[in-house]
Amino acid sequence: MEEVTDAVLTASRLLVAVSARSIAAVGEDVTLPQFRMLVVLAGRGPQRAGELAELLDVHPSTATQMADRLVGAGLIDRVANPQSRREVIVALTEPGRLLVEEVTARRRAEIATIVARLDPQLRASLVSALRAFADAGDEPMAVSSQGASALGWT
């Protein structure tokens, strides 16, 4: 069990590094948690602020601070919920959607380069292992035909 945990931890460091590089490459001053908020909005559509905090597993005040920064950058909008004026709806703007798509495309390309270096037989077993790992963690599988927003964090 420890050997598997160490291997997954090492792989996760590589994937976080790939994600950080893909964000840095587009020249936007967006943190990984902020990017995750953008990806959630890209994948799930507009969300009530409280639901968004729950989906991100952060305190509502943390989600508000992240949203403030993204609103200032023009990447998301906040509007009053027409069904309940006390609630706020958070939605991705067109520049936010384009950012998610560009970063995800860069991440996908770098991951493809890394995977191409693997022995073809290892690739097949890696697909099975990673699908099982994602299933065990209740993470929906990314499918490239669903568009770039489906390939980020949800």
Protein backbone atom coordinates (compact mmCIF):
# COMPACT_ATOMS: atom_id res chain seq x y z
CA MET A 1 0.00 0.00 0.00
CA GLU A 2 2.80 2.44 0.86
CA GLU A 3 4.57 1.85 -2.45
CA VAL A 4 1.38 2.63 -4.40
CA THR A 5 0.73 5.73 -2.28
CA ASP A 6 4.28 6.98 -2.91
CA ALA A 7 3.94 6.39 -6.65
CA VAL A 8 0.61 8.24 -6.83
CA LEU A 9 2.01 11.09 -4.73
CA THR A 10 4.98 11.42 -7.07
CA ALA A 11 2.72 11.35 -10.14
CA SER A 12 0.45 13.95 -8.56
CA ARG A 13 3.43 16.29 -8.08
CA LEU A 14 4.19 15.94 -11.78
CA LEU A 15 0.57 16.67 -12.72
CA VAL A 16 0.42 19.72 -10.46
CA ALA A 17 3.64 20.97 -12.05
CA VAL A 18 2.16 20.45 -15.52
CA SER A 19 -0.97 22.34 -14.44
CA ALA A 20 1.04 25.22 -12.98
CA ARG A 21 3.17 25.49 -16.13
CA SER A 22 0.08 25.48 -18.36
CA ILE A 23 -1.46 28.35 -16.37
CA ALA A 24 1.80 30.32 -16.31
CA ALA A 25 2.22 29.89 -20.07
CA VAL A 26 -0.96 31.83 -20.86
CA GLY A 27 0.27 34.87 -18.97
CA GLU A 28 -2.73 35.19 -16.65
CA ASP A 29 -2.18 35.80 -12.95
CA VAL A 30 -4.48 32.98 -11.83
CA THR A 31 -3.69 30.56 -9.01
CA LEU A 32 -4.39 26.83 -9.21
CA PRO A 33 -7.38 27.13 -6.81
CA GLN A 34 -8.77 30.03 -8.86
CA PHE A 35 -8.31 28.01 -12.03
CA ARG A 36 -10.16 25.14 -10.40
CA MET A 37 -13.08 27.51 -9.77
CA LEU A 38 -13.06 28.44 -13.46
CA VAL A 39 -13.03 24.79 -14.49
CA VAL A 40 -15.93 23.94 -12.18
CA LEU A 41 -17.94 26.76 -13.72
CA ALA A 42 -16.95 25.67 -17.23
CA GLY A 43 -18.01 22.10 -16.55
CA ARG A 44 -21.14 22.67 -14.46
CA GLY A 45 -22.37 26.05 -15.63
CA PRO A 46 -23.42 28.97 -13.42
CA GLN A 47 -23.60 28.12 -9.72
CA ARG A 48 -24.99 29.67 -6.59
CA ALA A 49 -22.07 31.04 -4.55
CA GLY A 50 -22.72 28.63 -1.67
CA GLU A 51 -22.90 25.62 -3.99
CA LEU A 52 -19.66 26.70 -5.65
CA ALA A 53 -17.90 26.81 -2.27
CA GLU A 54 -19.19 23.30 -1.53
CA LEU A 55 -18.06 21.98 -4.91
CA LEU A 56 -14.60 23.44 -4.30
CA ASP A 57 -14.62 22.16 -0.71
CA VAL A 58 -13.64 25.59 0.64
CA HIS A 59 -15.15 27.94 3.20
CA PRO A 60 -17.66 30.36 1.63
CA SER A 61 -15.44 33.34 2.54
CA THR A 62 -12.52 31.72 0.69
CA ALA A 63 -14.72 31.19 -2.37
CA THR A 64 -15.82 34.83 -2.15
CA GLN A 65 -12.22 36.05 -2.08
CA MET A 66 -11.32 33.87 -5.06
CA ALA A 67 -14.40 35.10 -6.92
CA ASP A 68 -13.53 38.75 -6.16
CA ARG A 69 -10.17 38.28 -7.84
CA LEU A 70 -11.68 36.52 -10.86
CA VAL A 71 -14.42 39.15 -11.25
CA GLY A 72 -11.70 41.81 -11.21
CA ALA A 73 -9.86 39.94 -13.95
CA GLY A 74 -13.04 39.72 -16.03
CA LEU A 75 -13.05 35.91 -15.94
CA ILE A 76 -16.34 35.46 -14.04
CA ASP A 77 -19.48 37.48 -13.33
CA ARG A 78 -21.68 37.58 -10.24
CA VAL A 79 -25.36 38.39 -10.53
CA ALA A 80 -28.29 38.32 -8.13
CA ASN A 81 -30.31 35.12 -8.32
CA PRO A 82 -33.65 36.08 -9.92
CA GLN A 83 -35.38 33.46 -7.74
CA SER A 84 -33.85 34.70 -4.46
CA ARG A 85 -32.35 38.18 -4.25
CA ARG A 86 -30.26 37.13 -1.24
CA GLU A 87 -28.33 34.63 -3.34
CA VAL A 88 -25.59 35.31 -5.85
CA ILE A 89 -25.03 33.34 -9.05
CA VAL A 90 -21.45 32.97 -10.28
CA ALA A 91 -20.90 32.42 -14.00
CA LEU A 92 -17.95 32.14 -16.35
CA THR A 93 -17.42 34.97 -18.84
CA GLU A 94 -16.29 34.39 -22.41
CA PRO A 95 -12.66 35.34 -21.52
CA GLY A 96 -12.89 32.87 -18.62
CA ARG A 97 -14.09 30.10 -20.92
CA LEU A 98 -11.32 30.82 -23.40
CA LEU A 99 -8.73 30.74 -20.62
CA VAL A 100 -9.95 27.34 -19.43
CA GLU A 101 -9.80 25.99 -22.96
CA GLU A 102 -6.30 27.33 -23.65
CA VAL A 103 -4.83 26.15 -20.34
CA THR A 104 -6.46 22.73 -20.72
CA ALA A 105 -5.14 22.37 -24.28
CA ARG A 106 -1.62 23.20 -23.08
CA ARG A 107 -1.92 20.73 -20.19
CA ARG A 108 -3.25 18.03 -22.50
CA ALA A 109 -0.36 18.55 -24.94
CA GLU A 110 2.28 18.31 -22.22
CA ILE A 111 0.67 15.20 -20.72
CA ALA A 112 0.54 13.62 -24.21
CA THR A 113 4.27 14.29 -24.61
CA ILE A 114 4.99 12.58 -21.30
CA VAL A 115 2.73 9.63 -22.08
CA ALA A 116 4.36 9.21 -25.50
CA ARG A 117 7.67 8.49 -23.72
CA LEU A 118 6.16 5.42 -22.02
CA ASP A 119 6.47 1.92 -23.36
CA PRO A 120 3.25 1.14 -25.30
CA GLN A 121 2.46 -1.84 -23.04
CA LEU A 122 2.76 0.37 -19.95
CA ARG A 123 0.34 2.87 -21.49
CA ALA A 124 -2.44 0.29 -21.63
CA SER A 125 -1.99 -0.70 -18.00
CA LEU A 126 -1.73 2.96 -17.00
CA VAL A 127 -5.14 3.69 -18.53
CA SER A 128 -6.74 0.89 -16.51
CA ALA A 129 -4.99 1.88 -13.30
CA LEU A 130 -5.80 5.58 -13.63
CA ARG A 131 -9.45 4.89 -14.48
CA ALA A 132 -9.73 2.70 -11.38
CA PHE A 133 -8.01 5.39 -9.30
CA ALA A 134 -10.38 8.09 -10.59
CA ASP A 135 -13.38 5.83 -9.93
CA ALA A 136 -12.20 5.16 -6.37
CA GLY A 137 -11.99 8.92 -5.82
CA ASP A 138 -15.40 9.60 -7.43
CA GLU A 139 -13.80 11.74 -10.15
CA PRO A 140 -15.60 11.72 -13.53
CA MET A 141 -13.39 10.62 -16.38
CA ALA A 142 -12.20 13.32 -18.77
CA VAL A 143 -13.27 12.66 -22.34
CA SER A 144 -11.58 14.71 -25.04
CA SER A 145 -14.69 14.68 -27.24
CA GLN A 146 -16.55 16.62 -24.52
CA GLY A 147 -14.38 19.68 -25.09
CA ALA A 148 -11.56 21.29 -23.20
CA SER A 149 -13.61 22.23 -20.14
CA ALA A 150 -14.27 18.56 -19.42
CA LEU A 151 -10.55 17.92 -19.09
CA GLY A 152 -9.86 20.11 -16.12
CA TRP A 153 -10.72 19.83 -12.45
CA THR A 154 -14.33 19.36 -11.50
